[in-house]
Amino acid sequence: MRDASDMDFSGPETAEDFAHSVIATICHASVTASVGRRTFEHCMRALEVGSTSRVGFRHPAKAAAIDRIWREREPLFRDYIASSDKLRFLNTLPWIGPVTKHSLARRLGLYAELRDKAVA
């Protein structure tokens, strides 16, 4: 299973890539890298067999956010792609706040994209 932190910085190509990035960001929030990776792997295993991420994650509010991201990944990805202010859009996602939106933006390659636009 690919951890979303292994993505290149060209951004997500599919709704699943997008969801993996968001979920990995939630799993890595406020924990060590090894705990974040392990939590992400447990959550994704549960989600991919049709279960809830609560099976792999003890935090009920984060698990509910992860389940919603996974369940709504297609429309969320479409909205993300269509958004003219992607950073602001990230802040609307469940459990993504003013600090975690920057971590997620890095995972999604937004800062590289914004830097390239500023140079052009």
PDB file of N, CA and C in Angstrom:
ATOM      1  N   MET A   1       0.837  -1.177   0.000  1.00  0.00           N
ATOM      2  CA  MET A   1       0.000   0.000   0.000  1.00  0.00           C
ATOM      3  C   MET A   1       0.883   1.240   0.000  1.00  0.00           C
ATOM      4  N   ARG A   2       0.544   2.174  -0.818  1.00  0.00           N
ATOM      5  CA  ARG A   2       1.322   3.402  -0.955  1.00  0.00           C
ATOM      6  C   ARG A   2       0.849   4.422   0.065  1.00  0.00           C
ATOM      7  N   ASP A   3       1.783   4.980   0.820  1.00  0.00           N
ATOM      8  CA  ASP A   3       1.476   6.069   1.751  1.00  0.00           C
ATOM      9  C   ASP A   3       1.413   7.342   0.922  1.00  0.00           C
ATOM     10  N   ALA A   4       0.467   8.192   1.216  1.00  0.00           N
ATOM     11  CA  ALA A   4       0.298   9.422   0.435  1.00  0.00           C
ATOM     12  C   ALA A   4       1.531  10.310   0.503  1.00  0.00           C
ATOM     13  N   SER A   5       2.372  10.125   1.501  1.00  0.00           N
ATOM     14  CA  SER A   5       3.588  10.934   1.580  1.00  0.00           C
ATOM     15  C   SER A   5       4.588  10.530   0.500  1.00  0.00           C
ATOM     16  N   ASP A   6       4.359   9.383  -0.140  1.00  0.00           N
ATOM     17  CA  ASP A   6       5.242   8.923  -1.214  1.00  0.00           C
ATOM     18  C   ASP A   6       4.858   9.491  -2.578  1.00  0.00           C
ATOM     19  N   MET A   7       3.780  10.254  -2.641  1.00  0.00           N
ATOM     20  CA  MET A   7       3.337  10.810  -3.921  1.00  0.00           C
ATOM     21  C   MET A   7       4.356  11.808  -4.441  1.00  0.00           C
ATOM     22  N   ASP A   8       4.447  11.905  -5.748  1.00  0.00           N
ATOM     23  CA  ASP A   8       5.282  12.970  -6.287  1.00  0.00           C
ATOM     24  C   ASP A   8       4.506  14.276  -6.094  1.00  0.00           C
ATOM     25  N   PHE A   9       5.111  15.386  -6.390  1.00  0.00           N
ATOM     26  CA  PHE A   9       4.483  16.657  -6.084  1.00  0.00           C
ATOM     27  C   PHE A   9       3.734  17.254  -7.262  1.00  0.00           C
ATOM     28  N   SER A  10       3.287  16.418  -8.191  1.00  0.00           N
ATOM     29  CA  SER A  10       2.491  16.922  -9.298  1.00  0.00           C
ATOM     30  C   SER A  10       1.016  17.004  -8.929  1.00  0.00           C
ATOM     31  N   GLY A  11       0.660  16.530  -7.764  1.00  0.00           N
ATOM     32  CA  GLY A  11      -0.719  16.593  -7.307  1.00  0.00           C
ATOM     33  C   GLY A  11      -1.450  15.291  -7.546  1.00  0.00           C
ATOM     34  N   PRO A  12      -2.609  15.157  -6.942  1.00  0.00           N
ATOM     35  CA  PRO A  12      -3.375  13.920  -7.085  1.00  0.00           C
ATOM     36  C   PRO A  12      -3.992  13.806  -8.479  1.00  0.00           C
ATOM     37  N   GLU A  13      -3.975  12.600  -9.012  1.00  0.00           N
ATOM     38  CA  GLU A  13      -4.553  12.374 -10.333  1.00  0.00           C
ATOM     39  C   GLU A  13      -5.942  11.766 -10.257  1.00  0.00           C
ATOM     40  N   THR A  14      -6.255  11.154  -9.130  1.00  0.00           N
ATOM     41  CA  THR A  14      -7.556  10.502  -8.966  1.00  0.00           C
ATOM     42  C   THR A  14      -8.155  10.873  -7.618  1.00  0.00           C
ATOM     43  N   ALA A  15      -9.439  10.579  -7.486  1.00  0.00           N
ATOM     44  CA  ALA A  15     -10.119  10.815  -6.206  1.00  0.00           C
ATOM     45  C   ALA A  15      -9.497   9.968  -5.107  1.00  0.00           C
ATOM     46  N   GLU A  16      -9.054   8.777  -5.461  1.00  0.00           N
ATOM     47  CA  GLU A  16      -8.418   7.905  -4.468  1.00  0.00           C
ATOM     48  C   GLU A  16      -7.089   8.505  -4.003  1.00  0.00           C
ATOM     49  N   ASP A  17      -6.293   9.029  -4.927  1.00  0.00           N
ATOM     50  CA  ASP A  17      -5.038   9.701  -4.549  1.00  0.00           C
ATOM     51  C   ASP A  17      -5.319  10.876  -3.617  1.00  0.00           C
ATOM     52  N   PHE A  18      -6.330  11.651  -3.957  1.00  0.00           N
ATOM     53  CA  PHE A  18      -6.712  12.802  -3.142  1.00  0.00           C
ATOM     54  C   PHE A  18      -7.107  12.349  -1.739  1.00  0.00           C
ATOM     55  N   ALA A  19      -7.983  11.336  -1.660  1.00  0.00           N
ATOM     56  CA  ALA A  19      -8.436  10.831  -0.362  1.00  0.00           C
ATOM     57  C   ALA A  19      -7.270  10.291   0.452  1.00  0.00           C
ATOM     58  N   HIS A  20      -6.357   9.575  -0.196  1.00  0.00           N
ATOM     59  CA  HIS A  20      -5.182   9.054   0.517  1.00  0.00           C
ATOM     60  C   HIS A  20      -4.383  10.199   1.135  1.00  0.00           C
ATOM     61  N   SER A  21      -4.213  11.275   0.399  1.00  0.00           N
ATOM     62  CA  SER A  21      -3.458  12.422   0.914  1.00  0.00           C
ATOM     63  C   SER A  21      -4.141  13.057   2.114  1.00  0.00           C
ATOM     64  N   VAL A  22      -5.445  13.239   2.015  1.00  0.00           N
ATOM     65  CA  VAL A  22      -6.193  13.844   3.121  1.00  0.00           C
ATOM     66  C   VAL A  22      -6.150  12.932   4.333  1.00  0.00           C
ATOM     67  N   ILE A  23      -6.391  11.650   4.124  1.00  0.00           N
ATOM     68  CA  ILE A  23      -6.404  10.692   5.227  1.00  0.00           C
ATOM     69  C   ILE A  23      -5.028  10.589   5.872  1.00  0.00           C
ATOM     70  N   ALA A  24      -3.977  10.556   5.070  1.00  0.00           N
ATOM     71  CA  ALA A  24      -2.624  10.496   5.625  1.00  0.00           C
ATOM     72  C   ALA A  24      -2.336  11.739   6.466  1.00  0.00           C
ATOM     73  N   THR A  25      -2.790  12.888   6.015  1.00  0.00           N
ATOM     74  CA  THR A  25      -2.580  14.124   6.773  1.00  0.00           C
ATOM     75  C   THR A  25      -3.290  14.050   8.119  1.00  0.00           C
ATOM     76  N   ILE A  26      -4.506  13.552   8.130  1.00  0.00           N
ATOM     77  CA  ILE A  26      -5.245  13.410   9.385  1.00  0.00           C
ATOM     78  C   ILE A  26      -4.542  12.412  10.297  1.00  0.00           C
ATOM     79  N   CYS A  27      -4.095  11.296   9.749  1.00  0.00           N
ATOM     80  CA  CYS A  27      -3.425  10.269  10.551  1.00  0.00           C
ATOM     81  C   CYS A  27      -2.100  10.757  11.132  1.00  0.00           C
ATOM     82  N   HIS A  28      -1.412  11.628  10.421  1.00  0.00           N
ATOM     83  CA  HIS A  28      -0.106  12.111  10.867  1.00  0.00           C
ATOM     84  C   HIS A  28      -0.202  13.323  11.796  1.00  0.00           C
ATOM     85  N   ALA A  29      -1.391  13.915  11.929  1.00  0.00           N
ATOM     86  CA  ALA A  29      -1.540  15.121  12.746  1.00  0.00           C
ATOM     87  C   ALA A  29      -1.264  14.816  14.223  1.00  0.00           C
ATOM     88  N   SER A  30      -0.322  15.550  14.795  1.00  0.00           N
ATOM     89  CA  SER A  30      -0.019  15.509  16.229  1.00  0.00           C
ATOM     90  C   SER A  30       0.547  14.185  16.731  1.00  0.00           C
ATOM     91  N   VAL A  31       1.140  13.391  15.838  1.00  0.00           N
ATOM     92  CA  VAL A  31       1.786  12.146  16.253  1.00  0.00           C
ATOM     93  C   VAL A  31       3.136  12.023  15.548  1.00  0.00           C
ATOM     94  N   THR A  32       3.933  11.077  15.982  1.00  0.00           N
ATOM     95  CA  THR A  32       5.215  10.845  15.314  1.00  0.00           C
ATOM     96  C   THR A  32       4.970  10.253  13.923  1.00  0.00           C
ATOM     97  N   ALA A  33       5.979  10.339  13.095  1.00  0.00           N
ATOM     98  CA  ALA A  33       5.860   9.827  11.721  1.00  0.00           C
ATOM     99  C   ALA A  33       5.534   8.333  11.708  1.00  0.00           C
ATOM    100  N   SER A  34       6.176   7.559  12.576  1.00  0.00           N
ATOM    101  CA  SER A  34       5.935   6.108  12.580  1.00  0.00           C
ATOM    102  C   SER A  34       4.503   5.790  13.033  1.00  0.00           C
ATOM    103  N   VAL A  35       4.000   6.505  14.011  1.00  0.00           N
ATOM    104  CA  VAL A  35       2.618   6.299  14.460  1.00  0.00           C
ATOM    105  C   VAL A  35       1.656   6.710  13.347  1.00  0.00           C
ATOM    106  N   GLY A  36       1.930   7.821  12.669  1.00  0.00           N
ATOM    107  CA  GLY A  36       1.089   8.271  11.571  1.00  0.00           C
ATOM    108  C   GLY A  36       1.028   7.262  10.438  1.00  0.00           C
ATOM    109  N   ARG A  37       2.192   6.708  10.072  1.00  0.00           N
ATOM    110  CA  ARG A  37       2.227   5.697   8.996  1.00  0.00           C
ATOM    111  C   ARG A  37       1.430   4.454   9.380  1.00  0.00           C
ATOM    112  N   ARG A  38       1.646   3.989  10.601  1.00  0.00           N
ATOM    113  CA  ARG A  38       0.949   2.782  11.063  1.00  0.00           C
ATOM    114  C   ARG A  38      -0.570   3.015  11.106  1.00  0.00           C
ATOM    115  N   THR A  39      -0.976   4.159  11.612  1.00  0.00           N
ATOM    116  CA  THR A  39      -2.401   4.479  11.675  1.00  0.00           C
ATOM    117  C   THR A  39      -2.998   4.561  10.273  1.00  0.00           C
ATOM    118  N   PHE A  40      -2.277   5.217   9.357  1.00  0.00           N
ATOM    119  CA  PHE A  40      -2.733   5.325   7.973  1.00  0.00           C
ATOM    120  C   PHE A  40      -2.921   3.939   7.357  1.00  0.00           C
ATOM    121  N   GLU A  41      -1.952   3.057   7.550  1.00  0.00           N
ATOM    122  CA  GLU A  41      -2.048   1.701   6.997  1.00  0.00           C
ATOM    123  C   GLU A  41      -3.248   0.952   7.562  1.00  0.00           C
ATOM    124  N   HIS A  42      -3.470   1.049   8.873  1.00  0.00           N
ATOM    125  CA  HIS A  42      -4.615   0.368   9.490  1.00  0.00           C
ATOM    126  C   HIS A  42      -5.935   0.925   8.968  1.00  0.00           C
ATOM    127  N   CYS A  43      -6.018   2.235   8.874  1.00  0.00           N
ATOM    128  CA  CYS A  43      -7.248   2.865   8.376  1.00  0.00           C
ATOM    129  C   CYS A  43      -7.533   2.444   6.939  1.00  0.00           C
ATOM    130  N   MET A  44      -6.526   2.499   6.093  1.00  0.00           N
ATOM    131  CA  MET A  44      -6.736   2.173   4.685  1.00  0.00           C
ATOM    132  C   MET A  44      -7.107   0.704   4.503  1.00  0.00           C
ATOM    133  N   ARG A  45      -6.499  -0.187   5.282  1.00  0.00           N
ATOM    134  CA  ARG A  45      -6.888  -1.600   5.197  1.00  0.00           C
ATOM    135  C   ARG A  45      -8.365  -1.764   5.527  1.00  0.00           C
ATOM    136  N   ALA A  46      -8.800  -1.097   6.584  1.00  0.00           N
ATOM    137  CA  ALA A  46     -10.207  -1.190   6.996  1.00  0.00           C
ATOM    138  C   ALA A  46     -11.128  -0.615   5.911  1.00  0.00           C
ATOM    139  N   LEU A  47     -10.783   0.558   5.392  1.00  0.00           N
ATOM    140  CA  LEU A  47     -11.632   1.205   4.384  1.00  0.00           C
ATOM    141  C   LEU A  47     -11.706   0.392   3.099  1.00  0.00           C
ATOM    142  N   GLU A  48     -10.600  -0.189   2.693  1.00  0.00           N
ATOM    143  CA  GLU A  48     -10.563  -0.927   1.426  1.00  0.00           C
ATOM    144  C   GLU A  48     -11.358  -2.222   1.461  1.00  0.00           C
ATOM    145  N   VAL A  49     -11.656  -2.731   2.660  1.00  0.00           N
ATOM    146  CA  VAL A  49     -12.510  -3.931   2.753  1.00  0.00           C
ATOM    147  C   VAL A  49     -13.945  -3.563   3.117  1.00  0.00           C
ATOM    148  N   GLY A  50     -14.250  -2.251   3.099  1.00  0.00           N
ATOM    149  CA  GLY A  50     -15.614  -1.805   3.330  1.00  0.00           C
ATOM    150  C   GLY A  50     -15.973  -1.560   4.780  1.00  0.00           C
ATOM    151  N   SER A  51     -14.989  -1.558   5.650  1.00  0.00           N
ATOM    152  CA  SER A  51     -15.239  -1.309   7.067  1.00  0.00           C
ATOM    153  C   SER A  51     -15.040   0.170   7.382  1.00  0.00           C
ATOM    154  N   THR A  52     -15.147   0.514   8.621  1.00  0.00           N
ATOM    155  CA  THR A  52     -14.916   1.877   9.067  1.00  0.00           C
ATOM    156  C   THR A  52     -13.465   2.034   9.523  1.00  0.00           C
ATOM    157  N   SER A  53     -12.945   3.229   9.409  1.00  0.00           N
ATOM    158  CA  SER A  53     -11.578   3.474   9.868  1.00  0.00           C
ATOM    159  C   SER A  53     -11.486   3.374  11.385  1.00  0.00           C
ATOM    160  N   ARG A  54     -12.615   3.367  12.045  1.00  0.00           N
ATOM    161  CA  ARG A  54     -12.648   3.232  13.501  1.00  0.00           C
ATOM    162  C   ARG A  54     -11.989   1.918  13.933  1.00  0.00           C
ATOM    163  N   VAL A  55     -11.989   0.929  13.060  1.00  0.00           N
ATOM    164  CA  VAL A  55     -11.338  -0.344  13.346  1.00  0.00           C
ATOM    165  C   VAL A  55      -9.837  -0.135  13.567  1.00  0.00           C
ATOM    166  N   GLY A  56      -9.239   0.783  12.811  1.00  0.00           N
ATOM    167  CA  GLY A  56      -7.804   1.006  12.906  1.00  0.00           C
ATOM    168  C   GLY A  56      -7.411   2.268  13.635  1.00  0.00           C
ATOM    169  N   PHE A  57      -8.392   3.005  14.150  1.00  0.00           N
ATOM    170  CA  PHE A  57      -8.093   4.312  14.722  1.00  0.00           C
ATOM    171  C   PHE A  57      -8.957   4.527  15.957  1.00  0.00           C
ATOM    172  N   ARG A  58      -8.350   4.843  17.075  1.00  0.00           N
ATOM    173  CA  ARG A  58      -9.098   4.982  18.325  1.00  0.00           C
ATOM    174  C   ARG A  58      -9.789   6.331  18.490  1.00  0.00           C
ATOM    175  N   HIS A  59      -9.375   7.330  17.765  1.00  0.00           N
ATOM    176  CA  HIS A  59      -9.928   8.676  17.925  1.00  0.00           C
ATOM    177  C   HIS A  59     -11.248   8.763  17.154  1.00  0.00           C
ATOM    178  N   PRO A  60     -12.401   8.806  17.853  1.00  0.00           N
ATOM    179  CA  PRO A  60     -13.690   8.742  17.145  1.00  0.00           C
ATOM    180  C   PRO A  60     -13.945   9.905  16.186  1.00  0.00           C
ATOM    181  N   ALA A  61     -13.558  11.108  16.541  1.00  0.00           N
ATOM    182  CA  ALA A  61     -13.819  12.250  15.650  1.00  0.00           C
ATOM    183  C   ALA A  61     -12.939  12.184  14.401  1.00  0.00           C
ATOM    184  N   LYS A  62     -11.670  11.807  14.571  1.00  0.00           N
ATOM    185  CA  LYS A  62     -10.799  11.667  13.402  1.00  0.00           C
ATOM    186  C   LYS A  62     -11.284  10.514  12.522  1.00  0.00           C
ATOM    187  N   ALA A  63     -11.714   9.420  13.142  1.00  0.00           N
ATOM    188  CA  ALA A  63     -12.216   8.269  12.380  1.00  0.00           C
ATOM    189  C   ALA A  63     -13.454   8.665  11.574  1.00  0.00           C
ATOM    190  N   ALA A  64     -14.345   9.432  12.175  1.00  0.00           N
ATOM    191  CA  ALA A  64     -15.547   9.885  11.454  1.00  0.00           C
ATOM    192  C   ALA A  64     -15.159  10.770  10.268  1.00  0.00           C
ATOM    193  N   ALA A  65     -14.162  11.644  10.461  1.00  0.00           N
ATOM    194  CA  ALA A  65     -13.695  12.503   9.366  1.00  0.00           C
ATOM    195  C   ALA A  65     -13.092  11.661   8.244  1.00  0.00           C
ATOM    196  N   ILE A  66     -12.290  10.681   8.609  1.00  0.00           N
ATOM    197  CA  ILE A  66     -11.655   9.799   7.618  1.00  0.00           C
ATOM    198  C   ILE A  66     -12.718   9.018   6.846  1.00  0.00           C
ATOM    199  N   ASP A  67     -13.695   8.483   7.553  1.00  0.00           N
ATOM    200  CA  ASP A  67     -14.775   7.745   6.877  1.00  0.00           C
ATOM    201  C   ASP A  67     -15.509   8.642   5.892  1.00  0.00           C
ATOM    202  N   ARG A  68     -15.768   9.873   6.282  1.00  0.00           N
ATOM    203  CA  ARG A  68     -16.468  10.809   5.384  1.00  0.00           C
ATOM    204  C   ARG A  68     -15.620  11.133   4.163  1.00  0.00           C
ATOM    205  N   ILE A  69     -14.321  11.383   4.367  1.00  0.00           N
ATOM    206  CA  ILE A  69     -13.428  11.667   3.228  1.00  0.00           C
ATOM    207  C   ILE A  69     -13.453  10.491   2.251  1.00  0.00           C
ATOM    208  N   TRP A  70     -13.349   9.284   2.768  1.00  0.00           N
ATOM    209  CA  TRP A  70     -13.324   8.104   1.904  1.00  0.00           C
ATOM    210  C   TRP A  70     -14.658   7.924   1.178  1.00  0.00           C
ATOM    211  N   ARG A  71     -15.741   8.082   1.913  1.00  0.00           N
ATOM    212  CA  ARG A  71     -17.081   7.895   1.347  1.00  0.00           C
ATOM    213  C   ARG A  71     -17.398   8.943   0.284  1.00  0.00           C
ATOM    214  N   GLU A  72     -16.947  10.178   0.482  1.00  0.00           N
ATOM    215  CA  GLU A  72     -17.266  11.294  -0.418  1.00  0.00           C
ATOM    216  C   GLU A  72     -16.084  11.688  -1.306  1.00  0.00           C
ATOM    217  N   ARG A  73     -15.125  10.779  -1.500  1.00  0.00           N
ATOM    218  CA  ARG A  73     -13.882  11.133  -2.203  1.00  0.00           C
ATOM    219  C   ARG A  73     -14.109  11.642  -3.627  1.00  0.00           C
ATOM    220  N   GLU A  74     -15.058  11.079  -4.353  1.00  0.00           N
ATOM    221  CA  GLU A  74     -15.298  11.518  -5.746  1.00  0.00           C
ATOM    222  C   GLU A  74     -15.788  12.963  -5.799  1.00  0.00           C
ATOM    223  N   PRO A  75     -16.881  13.313  -5.096  1.00  0.00           N
ATOM    224  CA  PRO A  75     -17.322  14.716  -5.164  1.00  0.00           C
ATOM    225  C   PRO A  75     -16.315  15.681  -4.523  1.00  0.00           C
ATOM    226  N   LEU A  76     -15.639  15.263  -3.475  1.00  0.00           N
ATOM    227  CA  LEU A  76     -14.633  16.147  -2.858  1.00  0.00           C
ATOM    228  C   LEU A  76     -13.489  16.423  -3.827  1.00  0.00           C
ATOM    229  N   PHE A  77     -13.066  15.403  -4.549  1.00  0.00           N
ATOM    230  CA  PHE A  77     -11.986  15.583  -5.519  1.00  0.00           C
ATOM    231  C   PHE A  77     -12.429  16.507  -6.651  1.00  0.00           C
ATOM    232  N   ARG A  78     -13.652  16.321  -7.133  1.00  0.00           N
ATOM    233  CA  ARG A  78     -14.180  17.212  -8.190  1.00  0.00           C
ATOM    234  C   ARG A  78     -14.220  18.658  -7.695  1.00  0.00           C
ATOM    235  N   ASP A  79     -14.673  18.849  -6.463  1.00  0.00           N
ATOM    236  CA  ASP A  79     -14.740  20.204  -5.898  1.00  0.00           C
ATOM    237  C   ASP A  79     -13.343  20.793  -5.720  1.00  0.00           C
ATOM    238  N   TYR A  80     -12.396  19.967  -5.312  1.00  0.00           N
ATOM    239  CA  TYR A  80     -11.011  20.419  -5.146  1.00  0.00           C
ATOM    240  C   TYR A  80     -10.438  20.872  -6.491  1.00  0.00           C
ATOM    241  N   ILE A  81     -10.619  20.061  -7.514  1.00  0.00           N
ATOM    242  CA  ILE A  81     -10.102  20.382  -8.852  1.00  0.00           C
ATOM    243  C   ILE A  81     -10.749  21.670  -9.373  1.00  0.00           C
ATOM    244  N   ALA A  82     -12.039  21.834  -9.138  1.00  0.00           N
ATOM    245  CA  ALA A  82     -12.762  23.000  -9.644  1.00  0.00           C
ATOM    246  C   ALA A  82     -12.502  24.277  -8.836  1.00  0.00           C
ATOM    247  N   SER A  83     -11.964  24.132  -7.646  1.00  0.00           N
ATOM    248  CA  SER A  83     -11.791  25.281  -6.759  1.00  0.00           C
ATOM    249  C   SER A  83     -10.730  26.249  -7.284  1.00  0.00           C
ATOM    250  N   SER A  84     -11.057  27.524  -7.263  1.00  0.00           N
ATOM    251  CA  SER A  84     -10.080  28.542  -7.673  1.00  0.00           C
ATOM    252  C   SER A  84      -9.134  28.890  -6.522  1.00  0.00           C
ATOM    253  N   ASP A  85      -9.527  28.578  -5.295  1.00  0.00           N
ATOM    254  CA  ASP A  85      -8.685  28.807  -4.120  1.00  0.00           C
ATOM    255  C   ASP A  85      -8.554  27.480  -3.377  1.00  0.00           C
ATOM    256  N   LYS A  86      -7.625  26.670  -3.841  1.00  0.00           N
ATOM    257  CA  LYS A  86      -7.480  25.318  -3.319  1.00  0.00           C
ATOM    258  C   LYS A  86      -7.116  25.297  -1.834  1.00  0.00           C
ATOM    259  N   LEU A  87      -6.288  26.211  -1.392  1.00  0.00           N
ATOM    260  CA  LEU A  87      -5.910  26.256   0.020  1.00  0.00           C
ATOM    261  C   LEU A  87      -7.142  26.534   0.886  1.00  0.00           C
ATOM    262  N   ARG A  88      -7.969  27.433   0.468  1.00  0.00           N
ATOM    263  CA  ARG A  88      -9.207  27.712   1.209  1.00  0.00           C
ATOM    264  C   ARG A  88     -10.127  26.495   1.186  1.00  0.00           C
ATOM    265  N   PHE A  89     -10.195  25.811   0.051  1.00  0.00           N
ATOM    266  CA  PHE A  89     -11.024  24.610  -0.039  1.00  0.00           C
ATOM    267  C   PHE A  89     -10.561  23.559   0.969  1.00  0.00           C
ATOM    268  N   LEU A  90      -9.243  23.367   1.090  1.00  0.00           N
ATOM    269  CA  LEU A  90      -8.723  22.355   2.013  1.00  0.00           C
ATOM    270  C   LEU A  90      -9.201  22.606   3.432  1.00  0.00           C
ATOM    271  N   ASN A  91      -9.332  23.858   3.789  1.00  0.00           N
ATOM    272  CA  ASN A  91      -9.766  24.226   5.139  1.00  0.00           C
ATOM    273  C   ASN A  91     -11.223  23.831   5.405  1.00  0.00           C
ATOM    274  N   THR A  92     -11.989  23.507   4.363  1.00  0.00           N
ATOM    275  CA  THR A  92     -13.391  23.105   4.534  1.00  0.00           C
ATOM    276  C   THR A  92     -13.526  21.603   4.788  1.00  0.00           C
ATOM    277  N   LEU A  93     -12.451  20.852   4.595  1.00  0.00           N
ATOM    278  CA  LEU A  93     -12.516  19.405   4.774  1.00  0.00           C
ATOM    279  C   LEU A  93     -12.580  19.054   6.259  1.00  0.00           C
ATOM    280  N   PRO A  94     -13.244  17.950   6.591  1.00  0.00           N
ATOM    281  CA  PRO A  94     -13.333  17.568   7.994  1.00  0.00           C
ATOM    282  C   PRO A  94     -11.958  17.255   8.585  1.00  0.00           C
ATOM    283  N   TRP A  95     -11.710  17.785   9.755  1.00  0.00           N
ATOM    284  CA  TRP A  95     -10.497  17.616  10.542  1.00  0.00           C
ATOM    285  C   TRP A  95      -9.265  18.266   9.901  1.00  0.00           C
ATOM    286  N   ILE A  96      -9.460  19.063   8.883  1.00  0.00           N
ATOM    287  CA  ILE A  96      -8.362  19.831   8.296  1.00  0.00           C
ATOM    288  C   ILE A  96      -8.577  21.274   8.730  1.00  0.00           C
ATOM    289  N   GLY A  97      -7.655  21.779   9.536  1.00  0.00           N
ATOM    290  CA  GLY A  97      -7.787  23.122  10.081  1.00  0.00           C
ATOM    291  C   GLY A  97      -6.702  24.043   9.580  1.00  0.00           C
ATOM    292  N   PRO A  98      -6.502  25.163  10.259  1.00  0.00           N
ATOM    293  CA  PRO A  98      -5.554  26.183   9.810  1.00  0.00           C
ATOM    294  C   PRO A  98      -4.101  25.713   9.756  1.00  0.00           C
ATOM    295  N   VAL A  99      -3.738  24.728  10.561  1.00  0.00           N
ATOM    296  CA  VAL A  99      -2.369  24.211  10.526  1.00  0.00           C
ATOM    297  C   VAL A  99      -2.268  23.019   9.583  1.00  0.00           C
ATOM    298  N   THR A 100      -3.197  22.064   9.729  1.00  0.00           N
ATOM    299  CA  THR A 100      -3.119  20.853   8.907  1.00  0.00           C
ATOM    300  C   THR A 100      -3.358  21.131   7.426  1.00  0.00           C
ATOM    301  N   LYS A 101      -4.036  22.239   7.094  1.00  0.00           N
ATOM    302  CA  LYS A 101      -4.241  22.526   5.663  1.00  0.00           C
ATOM    303  C   LYS A 101      -2.896  22.759   4.968  1.00  0.00           C
ATOM    304  N   HIS A 102      -1.916  23.279   5.686  1.00  0.00           N
ATOM    305  CA  HIS A 102      -0.600  23.501   5.080  1.00  0.00           C
ATOM    306  C   HIS A 102       0.143  22.179   4.881  1.00  0.00           C
ATOM    307  N   SER A 103       0.010  21.258   5.831  1.00  0.00           N
ATOM    308  CA  SER A 103       0.597  19.929   5.659  1.00  0.00           C
ATOM    309  C   SER A 103      -0.029  19.227   4.463  1.00  0.00           C
ATOM    310  N   LEU A 104      -1.343  19.329   4.361  1.00  0.00           N
ATOM    311  CA  LEU A 104      -2.044  18.709   3.246  1.00  0.00           C
ATOM    312  C   LEU A 104      -1.662  19.372   1.927  1.00  0.00           C
ATOM    313  N   ALA A 105      -1.544  20.687   1.926  1.00  0.00           N
ATOM    314  CA  ALA A 105      -1.153  21.402   0.703  1.00  0.00           C
ATOM    315  C   ALA A 105       0.208  20.917   0.208  1.00  0.00           C
ATOM    316  N   ARG A 106       1.128  20.684   1.131  1.00  0.00           N
ATOM    317  CA  ARG A 106       2.449  20.155   0.732  1.00  0.00           C
ATOM    318  C   ARG A 106       2.303  18.759   0.137  1.00  0.00           C
ATOM    319  N   ARG A 107       1.499  17.906   0.764  1.00  0.00           N
ATOM    320  CA  ARG A 107       1.288  16.544   0.239  1.00  0.00           C
ATOM    321  C   ARG A 107       0.685  16.576  -1.161  1.00  0.00           C
ATOM    322  N   LEU A 108      -0.176  17.549  -1.393  1.00  0.00           N
ATOM    323  CA  LEU A 108      -0.860  17.649  -2.690  1.00  0.00           C
ATOM    324  C   LEU A 108      -0.042  18.385  -3.745  1.00  0.00           C
ATOM    325  N   GLY A 109       1.095  18.936  -3.347  1.00  0.00           N
ATOM    326  CA  GLY A 109       1.947  19.642  -4.294  1.00  0.00           C
ATOM    327  C   GLY A 109       1.512  21.066  -4.567  1.00  0.00           C
ATOM    328  N   LEU A 110       0.636  21.609  -3.733  1.00  0.00           N
ATOM    329  CA  LEU A 110       0.128  22.961  -3.978  1.00  0.00           C
ATOM    330  C   LEU A 110       1.201  24.030  -3.877  1.00  0.00           C
ATOM    331  N   TYR A 111       2.089  23.908  -2.932  1.00  0.00           N
ATOM    332  CA  TYR A 111       3.088  24.959  -2.775  1.00  0.00           C
ATOM    333  C   TYR A 111       4.039  25.004  -3.966  1.00  0.00           C
ATOM    334  N   ALA A 112       4.371  23.853  -4.508  1.00  0.00           N
ATOM    335  CA  ALA A 112       5.201  23.825  -5.714  1.00  0.00           C
ATOM    336  C   ALA A 112       4.443  24.452  -6.875  1.00  0.00           C
ATOM    337  N   GLU A 113       3.141  24.156  -6.968  1.00  0.00           N
ATOM    338  CA  GLU A 113       2.308  24.708  -8.039  1.00  0.00           C
ATOM    339  C   GLU A 113       2.192  26.231  -7.898  1.00  0.00           C
ATOM    340  N   LEU A 114       1.953  26.715  -6.691  1.00  0.00           N
ATOM    341  CA  LEU A 114       1.833  28.158  -6.472  1.00  0.00           C
ATOM    342  C   LEU A 114       3.151  28.873  -6.748  1.00  0.00           C
ATOM    343  N   ARG A 115       4.256  28.238  -6.366  1.00  0.00           N
ATOM    344  CA  ARG A 115       5.581  28.812  -6.608  1.00  0.00           C
ATOM    345  C   ARG A 115       5.837  28.920  -8.115  1.00  0.00           C
ATOM    346  N   ASP A 116       5.460  27.894  -8.868  1.00  0.00           N
ATOM    347  CA  ASP A 116       5.635  27.925 -10.315  1.00  0.00           C
ATOM    348  C   ASP A 116       4.792  29.016 -10.956  1.00  0.00           C
ATOM    349  N   LYS A 117       3.566  29.230 -10.460  1.00  0.00           N
ATOM    350  CA  LYS A 117       2.707  30.278 -11.005  1.00  0.00           C
ATOM    351  C   LYS A 117       3.275  31.658 -10.713  1.00  0.00           C
ATOM    352  N   ALA A 118       3.871  31.819  -9.531  1.00  0.00           N
ATOM    353  CA  ALA A 118       4.417  33.115  -9.147  1.00  0.00           C
ATOM    354  C   ALA A 118       5.617  33.496 -10.024  1.00  0.00           C
ATOM    355  N   VAL A 119       6.374  32.498 -10.458  1.00  0.00           N
ATOM    356  CA  VAL A 119       7.540  32.733 -11.291  1.00  0.00           C
ATOM    357  C   VAL A 119       7.140  33.070 -12.712  1.00  0.00           C
ATOM    358  N   ALA A 120       6.070  32.441 -13.171  1.00  0.00           N
ATOM    359  CA  ALA A 120       5.647  32.623 -14.573  1.00  0.00           C
ATOM    360  C   ALA A 120       5.155  34.004 -14.875  1.00  0.00           C
TER     361      ALA A 120
END
